[in-house]
């Protein structure tokens, strides 16, 4: 969204002297080893504690590869102090969220909320998703990520699981929207912070943030309808879902922004948006149809650009 916005308004590019050389970037890719290790260990089914502890060891080993990143006694002391401070913050947030969760459990408020929502939607999954999205926005207002997720996971995720949604997809759905409350007016703390830095109007910045982040509001819905996007399923199914969804997001973004290689007229915007949705929706027929439409618009834009 930001790329198309920048090109559409001709904001220019980064000066060549500020762009790092490819050799410099490639020589530092080994810094991703701890992250890759962490993901692999979690996907192997090992516990979170084991993944975190072993990940720290891998970080320490990788730091030895370069003189600039080697961890000495002074750096180890700073790491310990920083870790303790961060742990206290997270613990306090989780403790406060635990009070809310405890009250919900004692009073039965969470159970009543789930029953109220599920009875209102009468088994309509799409309507339930929309209502829970709005609930996440409200609950997550002004709340840090960790407690926001804990609260909505207790309130909203069980309602989705009750309708047969995969537990991982249900939790990712509520997590995404709880975090996105940071850019959703009227209480959009991240947008307000950005507006203060840019010396811009706070509420206008919030609505602009929603516009640029609209794709992030849509993607969690497809987590529910296509668990393969969360790497659940055989390799071919996951590969097809991820590749077509990635292409679909580009098409959908171009349709929303009205720009691909050049300004897109209304009929191209409609087709691009439709192609994007079809590519994200699971199914060979929808994927091929969406791919064909996107390829056609792509060819038209390229041929008429010059």
C-alpha atoms as a PDB file:
ATOM      1  CA  UNK A   1       0.000   0.000   0.000  1.00  0.00           C
ATOM      2  CA  UNK A   2       2.782   2.423   0.903  1.00  0.00           C
ATOM      3  CA  UNK A   3       4.769   1.572  -2.245  1.00  0.00           C
ATOM      4  CA  UNK A   4       1.833   2.223  -4.572  1.00  0.00           C
ATOM      5  CA  UNK A   5       0.981   5.395  -2.635  1.00  0.00           C
ATOM      6  CA  UNK A   6       4.563   6.661  -3.016  1.00  0.00           C
ATOM      7  CA  UNK A   7       4.757   5.873  -6.737  1.00  0.00           C
ATOM      8  CA  UNK A   8       1.271   7.244  -7.396  1.00  0.00           C
ATOM      9  CA  UNK A   9       2.176  10.589  -5.765  1.00  0.00           C
ATOM     10  CA  UNK A  10       5.716  10.570  -7.200  1.00  0.00           C
ATOM     11  CA  UNK A  11       7.391  10.904  -3.816  1.00  0.00           C
ATOM     12  CA  UNK A  12      10.748   9.930  -5.297  1.00  0.00           C
ATOM     13  CA  UNK A  13      13.264   7.285  -4.279  1.00  0.00           C
ATOM     14  CA  UNK A  14      16.024   6.951  -1.717  1.00  0.00           C
ATOM     15  CA  UNK A  15      19.258   8.629  -2.877  1.00  0.00           C
ATOM     16  CA  UNK A  16      21.661   6.004  -4.309  1.00  0.00           C
ATOM     17  CA  UNK A  17      24.341   6.838  -1.730  1.00  0.00           C
ATOM     18  CA  UNK A  18      21.933   5.906   1.088  1.00  0.00           C
ATOM     19  CA  UNK A  19      21.073   2.493  -0.377  1.00  0.00           C
ATOM     20  CA  UNK A  20      23.268  -0.230   1.175  1.00  0.00           C
ATOM     21  CA  UNK A  21      25.280  -2.352  -1.221  1.00  0.00           C
ATOM     22  CA  UNK A  22      23.901  -5.819  -1.979  1.00  0.00           C
ATOM     23  CA  UNK A  23      27.169  -7.398  -0.826  1.00  0.00           C
ATOM     24  CA  UNK A  24      26.881  -5.655   2.550  1.00  0.00           C
ATOM     25  CA  UNK A  25      23.325  -6.889   3.061  1.00  0.00           C
ATOM     26  CA  UNK A  26      24.050 -10.462   1.949  1.00  0.00           C
ATOM     27  CA  UNK A  27      27.092 -10.678   4.213  1.00  0.00           C
ATOM     28  CA  UNK A  28      24.847  -9.980   7.236  1.00  0.00           C
ATOM     29  CA  UNK A  29      22.023 -12.393   6.440  1.00  0.00           C
ATOM     30  CA  UNK A  30      23.394 -14.835   9.003  1.00  0.00           C
ATOM     31  CA  UNK A  31      21.788 -12.584  11.634  1.00  0.00           C
ATOM     32  CA  UNK A  32      18.496 -14.254  10.676  1.00  0.00           C
ATOM     33  CA  UNK A  33      19.710 -17.659  11.880  1.00  0.00           C
ATOM     34  CA  UNK A  34      18.264 -17.265  15.430  1.00  0.00           C
ATOM     35  CA  UNK A  35      14.864 -16.253  14.051  1.00  0.00           C
ATOM     36  CA  UNK A  36      14.784 -19.181  11.622  1.00  0.00           C
ATOM     37  CA  UNK A  37      15.895 -21.520  14.409  1.00  0.00           C
ATOM     38  CA  UNK A  38      13.144 -20.245  16.714  1.00  0.00           C
ATOM     39  CA  UNK A  39      10.424 -20.811  14.102  1.00  0.00           C
ATOM     40  CA  UNK A  40      11.735 -24.285  13.196  1.00  0.00           C
ATOM     41  CA  UNK A  41      11.896 -25.387  16.841  1.00  0.00           C
ATOM     42  CA  UNK A  42       8.335 -24.194  17.494  1.00  0.00           C
ATOM     43  CA  UNK A  43       7.073 -25.942  14.339  1.00  0.00           C
ATOM     44  CA  UNK A  44       8.736 -29.147  15.573  1.00  0.00           C
ATOM     45  CA  UNK A  45       6.372 -29.005  18.542  1.00  0.00           C
ATOM     46  CA  UNK A  46       8.887 -28.169  21.241  1.00  0.00           C
ATOM     47  CA  UNK A  47       7.778 -26.050  24.195  1.00  0.00           C
ATOM     48  CA  UNK A  48       7.939 -22.259  24.143  1.00  0.00           C
ATOM     49  CA  UNK A  49      10.351 -22.286  27.094  1.00  0.00           C
ATOM     50  CA  UNK A  50      12.716 -24.638  25.293  1.00  0.00           C
ATOM     51  CA  UNK A  51      12.523 -22.568  22.087  1.00  0.00           C
ATOM     52  CA  UNK A  52      13.280 -19.337  23.970  1.00  0.00           C
ATOM     53  CA  UNK A  53      16.178 -20.805  25.965  1.00  0.00           C
ATOM     54  CA  UNK A  54      17.801 -22.557  23.010  1.00  0.00           C
ATOM     55  CA  UNK A  55      17.177 -19.458  20.866  1.00  0.00           C
ATOM     56  CA  UNK A  56      19.186 -17.370  23.344  1.00  0.00           C
ATOM     57  CA  UNK A  57      22.056 -19.828  23.039  1.00  0.00           C
ATOM     58  CA  UNK A  58      21.933 -19.585  19.240  1.00  0.00           C
ATOM     59  CA  UNK A  59      21.987 -15.768  19.475  1.00  0.00           C
ATOM     60  CA  UNK A  60      25.095 -15.953  21.665  1.00  0.00           C
ATOM     61  CA  UNK A  61      26.812 -18.301  19.190  1.00  0.00           C
ATOM     62  CA  UNK A  62      25.884 -16.188  16.150  1.00  0.00           C
ATOM     63  CA  UNK A  63      27.182 -13.060  17.896  1.00  0.00           C
ATOM     64  CA  UNK A  64      30.673 -14.624  17.851  1.00  0.00           C
ATOM     65  CA  UNK A  65      30.748 -14.525  14.031  1.00  0.00           C
ATOM     66  CA  UNK A  66      31.579 -10.802  14.010  1.00  0.00           C
ATOM     67  CA  UNK A  67      33.831  -8.722  16.235  1.00  0.00           C
ATOM     68  CA  UNK A  68      31.180  -5.954  16.328  1.00  0.00           C
ATOM     69  CA  UNK A  69      28.501  -8.228  17.781  1.00  0.00           C
ATOM     70  CA  UNK A  70      30.474 -10.360  20.214  1.00  0.00           C
ATOM     71  CA  UNK A  71      28.980 -10.311  23.704  1.00  0.00           C
ATOM     72  CA  UNK A  72      31.442  -9.292  26.396  1.00  0.00           C
ATOM     73  CA  UNK A  73      30.901  -8.954  30.126  1.00  0.00           C
ATOM     74  CA  UNK A  74      29.663  -5.344  29.826  1.00  0.00           C
ATOM     75  CA  UNK A  75      27.222  -6.260  27.070  1.00  0.00           C
ATOM     76  CA  UNK A  76      26.062  -9.297  29.066  1.00  0.00           C
ATOM     77  CA  UNK A  77      25.347  -7.047  32.049  1.00  0.00           C
ATOM     78  CA  UNK A  78      23.334  -4.639  29.851  1.00  0.00           C
ATOM     79  CA  UNK A  79      21.387  -7.569  28.388  1.00  0.00           C
ATOM     80  CA  UNK A  80      20.531  -8.871  31.858  1.00  0.00           C
ATOM     81  CA  UNK A  81      19.325  -5.437  33.027  1.00  0.00           C
ATOM     82  CA  UNK A  82      17.285  -4.867  29.844  1.00  0.00           C
ATOM     83  CA  UNK A  83      15.755  -8.350  30.051  1.00  0.00           C
ATOM     84  CA  UNK A  84      14.759  -7.834  33.680  1.00  0.00           C
ATOM     85  CA  UNK A  85      13.098  -4.498  32.896  1.00  0.00           C
ATOM     86  CA  UNK A  86      11.210  -5.908  29.910  1.00  0.00           C
ATOM     87  CA  UNK A  87      10.130  -8.930  31.929  1.00  0.00           C
ATOM     88  CA  UNK A  88       8.732  -6.689  34.658  1.00  0.00           C
ATOM     89  CA  UNK A  89       6.741  -4.705  32.094  1.00  0.00           C
ATOM     90  CA  UNK A  90       5.303  -7.810  30.430  1.00  0.00           C
ATOM     91  CA  UNK A  91       4.587  -9.413  33.807  1.00  0.00           C
ATOM     92  CA  UNK A  92       2.714  -6.319  34.993  1.00  0.00           C
ATOM     93  CA  UNK A  93       0.660  -6.215  31.779  1.00  0.00           C
ATOM     94  CA  UNK A  94      -0.167  -9.907  32.015  1.00  0.00           C
ATOM     95  CA  UNK A  95      -1.051  -9.537  35.698  1.00  0.00           C
ATOM     96  CA  UNK A  96      -3.492  -6.726  34.920  1.00  0.00           C
ATOM     97  CA  UNK A  97      -4.947  -8.723  32.059  1.00  0.00           C
ATOM     98  CA  UNK A  98      -5.165 -11.691  34.425  1.00  0.00           C
ATOM     99  CA  UNK A  99      -7.411  -9.658  36.712  1.00  0.00           C
ATOM    100  CA  UNK A 100      -9.787  -9.068  33.799  1.00  0.00           C
ATOM    101  CA  UNK A 101      -9.645 -12.744  32.833  1.00  0.00           C
ATOM    102  CA  UNK A 102     -10.242 -13.766  36.459  1.00  0.00           C
ATOM    103  CA  UNK A 103     -13.246 -11.483  36.784  1.00  0.00           C
ATOM    104  CA  UNK A 104     -14.650 -12.904  33.562  1.00  0.00           C
ATOM    105  CA  UNK A 105     -14.211 -16.424  34.895  1.00  0.00           C
ATOM    106  CA  UNK A 106     -15.683 -15.768  38.348  1.00  0.00           C
ATOM    107  CA  UNK A 107     -18.675 -13.760  37.136  1.00  0.00           C
ATOM    108  CA  UNK A 108     -19.249 -15.889  34.060  1.00  0.00           C
ATOM    109  CA  UNK A 109     -19.104 -12.745  31.918  1.00  0.00           C
ATOM    110  CA  UNK A 110     -16.909 -14.376  29.289  1.00  0.00           C
ATOM    111  CA  UNK A 111     -19.222 -17.367  28.936  1.00  0.00           C
ATOM    112  CA  UNK A 112     -22.277 -15.082  28.723  1.00  0.00           C
ATOM    113  CA  UNK A 113     -20.540 -12.931  26.112  1.00  0.00           C
ATOM    114  CA  UNK A 114     -19.746 -15.952  23.932  1.00  0.00           C
ATOM    115  CA  UNK A 115     -23.314 -17.252  24.245  1.00  0.00           C
ATOM    116  CA  UNK A 116     -24.745 -13.827  23.393  1.00  0.00           C
ATOM    117  CA  UNK A 117     -22.579 -13.417  20.301  1.00  0.00           C
ATOM    118  CA  UNK A 118     -23.056 -16.955  18.990  1.00  0.00           C
ATOM    119  CA  UNK A 119     -26.833 -16.862  19.521  1.00  0.00           C
ATOM    120  CA  UNK A 120     -27.066 -13.489  17.748  1.00  0.00           C
ATOM    121  CA  UNK A 121     -25.170 -14.624  14.622  1.00  0.00           C
ATOM    122  CA  UNK A 122     -27.091 -17.936  14.539  1.00  0.00           C
ATOM    123  CA  UNK A 123     -24.201 -19.909  13.046  1.00  0.00           C
ATOM    124  CA  UNK A 124     -23.222 -17.299  10.429  1.00  0.00           C
ATOM    125  CA  UNK A 125     -19.419 -17.418  10.529  1.00  0.00           C
ATOM    126  CA  UNK A 126     -18.824 -14.243   8.481  1.00  0.00           C
ATOM    127  CA  UNK A 127     -21.142 -12.197  10.704  1.00  0.00           C
ATOM    128  CA  UNK A 128     -19.437 -13.610  13.792  1.00  0.00           C
ATOM    129  CA  UNK A 129     -16.016 -12.640  12.398  1.00  0.00           C
ATOM    130  CA  UNK A 130     -17.154  -9.062  11.759  1.00  0.00           C
ATOM    131  CA  UNK A 131     -18.632  -8.736  15.248  1.00  0.00           C
ATOM    132  CA  UNK A 132     -15.519 -10.165  16.882  1.00  0.00           C
ATOM    133  CA  UNK A 133     -13.324  -7.840  14.800  1.00  0.00           C
ATOM    134  CA  UNK A 134     -15.233  -4.836  16.202  1.00  0.00           C
ATOM    135  CA  UNK A 135     -15.006  -6.341  19.691  1.00  0.00           C
ATOM    136  CA  UNK A 136     -11.228  -6.659  19.353  1.00  0.00           C
ATOM    137  CA  UNK A 137     -10.974  -3.025  18.266  1.00  0.00           C
ATOM    138  CA  UNK A 138     -12.889  -1.881  21.343  1.00  0.00           C
ATOM    139  CA  UNK A 139     -11.125  -4.154  23.852  1.00  0.00           C
ATOM    140  CA  UNK A 140      -7.687  -3.389  22.390  1.00  0.00           C
ATOM    141  CA  UNK A 141      -8.070   0.424  22.554  1.00  0.00           C
ATOM    142  CA  UNK A 142      -5.096   1.912  24.366  1.00  0.00           C
ATOM    143  CA  UNK A 143      -3.945  -1.490  25.627  1.00  0.00           C
ATOM    144  CA  UNK A 144      -0.449  -2.935  24.924  1.00  0.00           C
ATOM    145  CA  UNK A 145      -0.199  -5.960  22.655  1.00  0.00           C
ATOM    146  CA  UNK A 146       0.266  -8.687  25.292  1.00  0.00           C
ATOM    147  CA  UNK A 147      -2.702  -7.873  27.559  1.00  0.00           C
ATOM    148  CA  UNK A 148      -4.897  -6.972  24.556  1.00  0.00           C
ATOM    149  CA  UNK A 149      -4.319 -10.421  23.073  1.00  0.00           C
ATOM    150  CA  UNK A 150      -4.854 -12.195  26.405  1.00  0.00           C
ATOM    151  CA  UNK A 151      -8.201 -10.462  26.894  1.00  0.00           C
ATOM    152  CA  UNK A 152      -9.554 -11.066  23.373  1.00  0.00           C
ATOM    153  CA  UNK A 153      -8.239 -14.629  23.287  1.00  0.00           C
ATOM    154  CA  UNK A 154     -10.367 -15.386  26.350  1.00  0.00           C
ATOM    155  CA  UNK A 155     -13.440 -13.517  25.077  1.00  0.00           C
ATOM    156  CA  UNK A 156     -13.435 -13.940  21.310  1.00  0.00           C
ATOM    157  CA  UNK A 157     -11.355 -16.973  20.294  1.00  0.00           C
ATOM    158  CA  UNK A 158     -13.600 -19.572  22.040  1.00  0.00           C
ATOM    159  CA  UNK A 159     -16.604 -18.298  20.074  1.00  0.00           C
ATOM    160  CA  UNK A 160     -14.781 -19.052  16.819  1.00  0.00           C
ATOM    161  CA  UNK A 161     -13.579 -22.452  17.983  1.00  0.00           C
ATOM    162  CA  UNK A 162     -17.168 -23.300  18.943  1.00  0.00           C
ATOM    163  CA  UNK A 163     -18.161 -22.799  15.277  1.00  0.00           C
ATOM    164  CA  UNK A 164     -15.436 -25.194  14.137  1.00  0.00           C
ATOM    165  CA  UNK A 165     -12.653 -22.713  13.341  1.00  0.00           C
ATOM    166  CA  UNK A 166      -9.105 -24.025  13.717  1.00  0.00           C
ATOM    167  CA  UNK A 167      -7.749 -22.862  17.135  1.00  0.00           C
ATOM    168  CA  UNK A 168      -4.588 -21.381  15.588  1.00  0.00           C
ATOM    169  CA  UNK A 169      -6.615 -19.459  12.994  1.00  0.00           C
ATOM    170  CA  UNK A 170      -9.007 -18.245  15.706  1.00  0.00           C
ATOM    171  CA  UNK A 171      -6.163 -16.926  17.858  1.00  0.00           C
ATOM    172  CA  UNK A 172      -4.372 -15.308  14.910  1.00  0.00           C
ATOM    173  CA  UNK A 173      -7.635 -13.620  13.902  1.00  0.00           C
ATOM    174  CA  UNK A 174      -8.179 -11.995  17.303  1.00  0.00           C
ATOM    175  CA  UNK A 175      -4.469 -11.191  17.713  1.00  0.00           C
ATOM    176  CA  UNK A 176      -4.307  -9.311  14.403  1.00  0.00           C
ATOM    177  CA  UNK A 177      -7.358  -7.204  15.144  1.00  0.00           C
ATOM    178  CA  UNK A 178      -6.410  -6.534  18.774  1.00  0.00           C
ATOM    179  CA  UNK A 179      -3.065  -5.175  17.581  1.00  0.00           C
ATOM    180  CA  UNK A 180      -4.684  -3.211  14.724  1.00  0.00           C
ATOM    181  CA  UNK A 181      -6.718  -1.299  17.285  1.00  0.00           C
ATOM    182  CA  UNK A 182      -3.531   0.786  17.650  1.00  0.00           C
ATOM    183  CA  UNK A 183      -4.276   2.425  14.269  1.00  0.00           C
ATOM    184  CA  UNK A 184      -8.090   2.324  14.435  1.00  0.00           C
ATOM    185  CA  UNK A 185      -9.836   5.600  15.355  1.00  0.00           C
ATOM    186  CA  UNK A 186     -11.024   7.011  17.673  1.00  0.00           C
ATOM    187  CA  UNK A 187      -8.342   5.666  20.060  1.00  0.00           C
ATOM    188  CA  UNK A 188      -5.371   4.923  17.792  1.00  0.00           C
ATOM    189  CA  UNK A 189      -2.291   5.385  19.949  1.00  0.00           C
ATOM    190  CA  UNK A 190       0.225   4.386  17.264  1.00  0.00           C
ATOM    191  CA  UNK A 191      -1.278   6.854  14.785  1.00  0.00           C
ATOM    192  CA  UNK A 192      -1.330   9.566  17.446  1.00  0.00           C
ATOM    193  CA  UNK A 193       2.349   8.940  18.176  1.00  0.00           C
ATOM    194  CA  UNK A 194       3.159   9.105  14.472  1.00  0.00           C
ATOM    195  CA  UNK A 195       1.163  12.309  14.113  1.00  0.00           C
ATOM    196  CA  UNK A 196       3.123  13.898  16.965  1.00  0.00           C
ATOM    197  CA  UNK A 197       6.418  13.024  15.259  1.00  0.00           C
ATOM    198  CA  UNK A 198       5.225  14.303  11.866  1.00  0.00           C
ATOM    199  CA  UNK A 199       3.460  17.320  13.396  1.00  0.00           C
ATOM    200  CA  UNK A 200       0.269  16.289  11.602  1.00  0.00           C
ATOM    201  CA  UNK A 201      -3.407  16.174  12.538  1.00  0.00           C
ATOM    202  CA  UNK A 202      -3.871  13.201  14.885  1.00  0.00           C
ATOM    203  CA  UNK A 203      -7.311  11.993  13.786  1.00  0.00           C
ATOM    204  CA  UNK A 204      -6.566  12.478  10.095  1.00  0.00           C
ATOM    205  CA  UNK A 205      -3.394  10.431  10.585  1.00  0.00           C
ATOM    206  CA  UNK A 206      -5.494   7.685  12.174  1.00  0.00           C
ATOM    207  CA  UNK A 207      -7.844   7.470   9.193  1.00  0.00           C
ATOM    208  CA  UNK A 208      -4.879   7.530   6.794  1.00  0.00           C
ATOM    209  CA  UNK A 209      -3.313   4.680   8.787  1.00  0.00           C
ATOM    210  CA  UNK A 210      -6.516   2.653   8.391  1.00  0.00           C
ATOM    211  CA  UNK A 211      -6.452   3.301   4.645  1.00  0.00           C
ATOM    212  CA  UNK A 212      -2.832   2.184   4.282  1.00  0.00           C
ATOM    213  CA  UNK A 213      -3.363  -0.803   6.576  1.00  0.00           C
ATOM    214  CA  UNK A 214      -6.671  -1.962   5.109  1.00  0.00           C
ATOM    215  CA  UNK A 215      -5.081  -5.167   3.771  1.00  0.00           C
ATOM    216  CA  UNK A 216      -4.079  -6.127   7.317  1.00  0.00           C
ATOM    217  CA  UNK A 217      -7.755  -5.919   8.327  1.00  0.00           C
ATOM    218  CA  UNK A 218      -8.735  -8.309   5.514  1.00  0.00           C
ATOM    219  CA  UNK A 219      -6.019 -10.979   5.750  1.00  0.00           C
ATOM    220  CA  UNK A 220      -7.132 -12.473   9.134  1.00  0.00           C
ATOM    221  CA  UNK A 221     -10.498 -13.380   7.596  1.00  0.00           C
ATOM    222  CA  UNK A 222      -8.685 -15.616   5.124  1.00  0.00           C
ATOM    223  CA  UNK A 223      -6.722 -17.271   7.944  1.00  0.00           C
ATOM    224  CA  UNK A 224     -10.076 -18.635   9.093  1.00  0.00           C
ATOM    225  CA  UNK A 225     -11.235 -19.802   5.660  1.00  0.00           C
ATOM    226  CA  UNK A 226      -7.830 -21.082   4.508  1.00  0.00           C
ATOM    227  CA  UNK A 227      -5.679 -22.518   7.360  1.00  0.00           C
ATOM    228  CA  UNK A 228      -3.007 -23.343   4.758  1.00  0.00           C
ATOM    229  CA  UNK A 229      -1.980 -19.673   4.977  1.00  0.00           C
ATOM    230  CA  UNK A 230      -0.855 -20.527   8.515  1.00  0.00           C
ATOM    231  CA  UNK A 231       1.243 -23.399   7.124  1.00  0.00           C
ATOM    232  CA  UNK A 232      -1.294 -26.053   8.097  1.00  0.00           C
ATOM    233  CA  UNK A 233      -1.591 -28.854   5.538  1.00  0.00           C
ATOM    234  CA  UNK A 234       0.596 -30.667   3.018  1.00  0.00           C
ATOM    235  CA  UNK A 235       3.476 -28.841   1.306  1.00  0.00           C
ATOM    236  CA  UNK A 236       1.749 -28.401  -2.079  1.00  0.00           C
ATOM    237  CA  UNK A 237      -1.439 -26.991  -0.534  1.00  0.00           C
ATOM    238  CA  UNK A 238       0.514 -24.589   1.661  1.00  0.00           C
ATOM    239  CA  UNK A 239       2.735 -23.485  -1.248  1.00  0.00           C
ATOM    240  CA  UNK A 240      -0.244 -22.876  -3.540  1.00  0.00           C
ATOM    241  CA  UNK A 241      -2.156 -20.961  -0.872  1.00  0.00           C
ATOM    242  CA  UNK A 242       0.803 -18.746   0.070  1.00  0.00           C
ATOM    243  CA  UNK A 243       1.881 -17.947  -3.518  1.00  0.00           C
ATOM    244  CA  UNK A 244      -1.626 -17.178  -4.802  1.00  0.00           C
ATOM    245  CA  UNK A 245      -2.445 -15.183  -1.660  1.00  0.00           C
ATOM    246  CA  UNK A 246       0.727 -13.095  -2.076  1.00  0.00           C
ATOM    247  CA  UNK A 247      -0.162 -12.330  -5.698  1.00  0.00           C
ATOM    248  CA  UNK A 248      -3.743 -11.666  -4.626  1.00  0.00           C
ATOM    249  CA  UNK A 249      -2.624  -9.129  -2.030  1.00  0.00           C
ATOM    250  CA  UNK A 250      -0.667  -7.220  -4.683  1.00  0.00           C
ATOM    251  CA  UNK A 251      -3.723  -7.208  -6.981  1.00  0.00           C
ATOM    252  CA  UNK A 252      -6.064  -6.174  -4.170  1.00  0.00           C
ATOM    253  CA  UNK A 253      -3.686  -3.413  -3.058  1.00  0.00           C
ATOM    254  CA  UNK A 254      -3.399  -2.106  -6.625  1.00  0.00           C
ATOM    255  CA  UNK A 255      -7.192  -2.083  -6.886  1.00  0.00           C
ATOM    256  CA  UNK A 256      -7.606  -0.151  -3.644  1.00  0.00           C
ATOM    257  CA  UNK A 257      -4.881   2.371  -4.480  1.00  0.00           C
ATOM    258  CA  UNK A 258      -5.914   2.679  -8.147  1.00  0.00           C
ATOM    259  CA  UNK A 259      -2.337   2.251  -9.336  1.00  0.00           C
ATOM    260  CA  UNK A 260      -0.241  -0.604 -10.710  1.00  0.00           C
ATOM    261  CA  UNK A 261       2.246   0.593 -13.328  1.00  0.00           C
ATOM    262  CA  UNK A 262       0.132   3.665 -13.951  1.00  0.00           C
ATOM    263  CA  UNK A 263      -3.178   5.194 -12.858  1.00  0.00           C
ATOM    264  CA  UNK A 264      -5.917   2.571 -13.114  1.00  0.00           C
ATOM    265  CA  UNK A 265      -9.383   3.614 -14.336  1.00  0.00           C
ATOM    266  CA  UNK A 266     -12.457   2.552 -12.360  1.00  0.00           C
ATOM    267  CA  UNK A 267     -13.075  -0.649 -14.358  1.00  0.00           C
ATOM    268  CA  UNK A 268      -9.469  -1.803 -13.838  1.00  0.00           C
ATOM    269  CA  UNK A 269      -9.674  -1.052 -10.114  1.00  0.00           C
ATOM    270  CA  UNK A 270     -12.812  -3.179  -9.799  1.00  0.00           C
ATOM    271  CA  UNK A 271     -11.234  -6.059 -11.731  1.00  0.00           C
ATOM    272  CA  UNK A 272      -7.989  -5.842  -9.755  1.00  0.00           C
ATOM    273  CA  UNK A 273      -9.853  -5.944  -6.445  1.00  0.00           C
ATOM    274  CA  UNK A 274     -11.978  -8.864  -7.642  1.00  0.00           C
ATOM    275  CA  UNK A 275      -8.890 -10.723  -8.892  1.00  0.00           C
ATOM    276  CA  UNK A 276      -7.155 -10.157  -5.548  1.00  0.00           C
ATOM    277  CA  UNK A 277     -10.058 -11.562  -3.568  1.00  0.00           C
ATOM    278  CA  UNK A 278     -10.347 -14.582  -5.886  1.00  0.00           C
ATOM    279  CA  UNK A 279      -6.653 -15.331  -5.542  1.00  0.00           C
ATOM    280  CA  UNK A 280      -6.838 -15.188  -1.744  1.00  0.00           C
ATOM    281  CA  UNK A 281     -10.011 -17.303  -1.573  1.00  0.00           C
ATOM    282  CA  UNK A 282      -9.006 -21.005  -1.537  1.00  0.00           C
ATOM    283  CA  UNK A 283      -9.779 -23.123  -4.602  1.00  0.00           C
ATOM    284  CA  UNK A 284      -8.160 -23.914  -7.938  1.00  0.00           C
ATOM    285  CA  UNK A 285     -11.008 -22.357  -9.982  1.00  0.00           C
ATOM    286  CA  UNK A 286     -10.893 -19.041  -8.105  1.00  0.00           C
ATOM    287  CA  UNK A 287      -7.077 -18.996  -8.224  1.00  0.00           C
ATOM    288  CA  UNK A 288      -6.919 -19.527 -11.986  1.00  0.00           C
ATOM    289  CA  UNK A 289      -9.699 -17.006 -12.657  1.00  0.00           C
ATOM    290  CA  UNK A 290      -8.079 -14.385 -10.443  1.00  0.00           C
ATOM    291  CA  UNK A 291      -4.649 -15.037 -11.953  1.00  0.00           C
ATOM    292  CA  UNK A 292      -6.044 -14.656 -15.468  1.00  0.00           C
ATOM    293  CA  UNK A 293      -7.741 -11.334 -14.659  1.00  0.00           C
ATOM    294  CA  UNK A 294      -4.652  -9.982 -12.910  1.00  0.00           C
ATOM    295  CA  UNK A 295      -2.382 -11.054 -15.788  1.00  0.00           C
ATOM    296  CA  UNK A 296      -4.720  -9.349 -18.274  1.00  0.00           C
ATOM    297  CA  UNK A 297      -4.725  -6.038 -16.382  1.00  0.00           C
ATOM    298  CA  UNK A 298      -0.960  -6.327 -15.888  1.00  0.00           C
ATOM    299  CA  UNK A 299      -0.449  -6.753 -19.654  1.00  0.00           C
ATOM    300  CA  UNK A 300      -2.771  -3.851 -20.494  1.00  0.00           C
ATOM    301  CA  UNK A 301      -0.985  -1.546 -18.051  1.00  0.00           C
ATOM    302  CA  UNK A 302       2.446  -2.508 -19.354  1.00  0.00           C
ATOM    303  CA  UNK A 303       1.469  -2.056 -23.008  1.00  0.00           C
ATOM    304  CA  UNK A 304      -0.210   1.338 -22.473  1.00  0.00           C
ATOM    305  CA  UNK A 305       2.437   2.674 -20.102  1.00  0.00           C
ATOM    306  CA  UNK A 306       4.794   3.818 -22.872  1.00  0.00           C
END
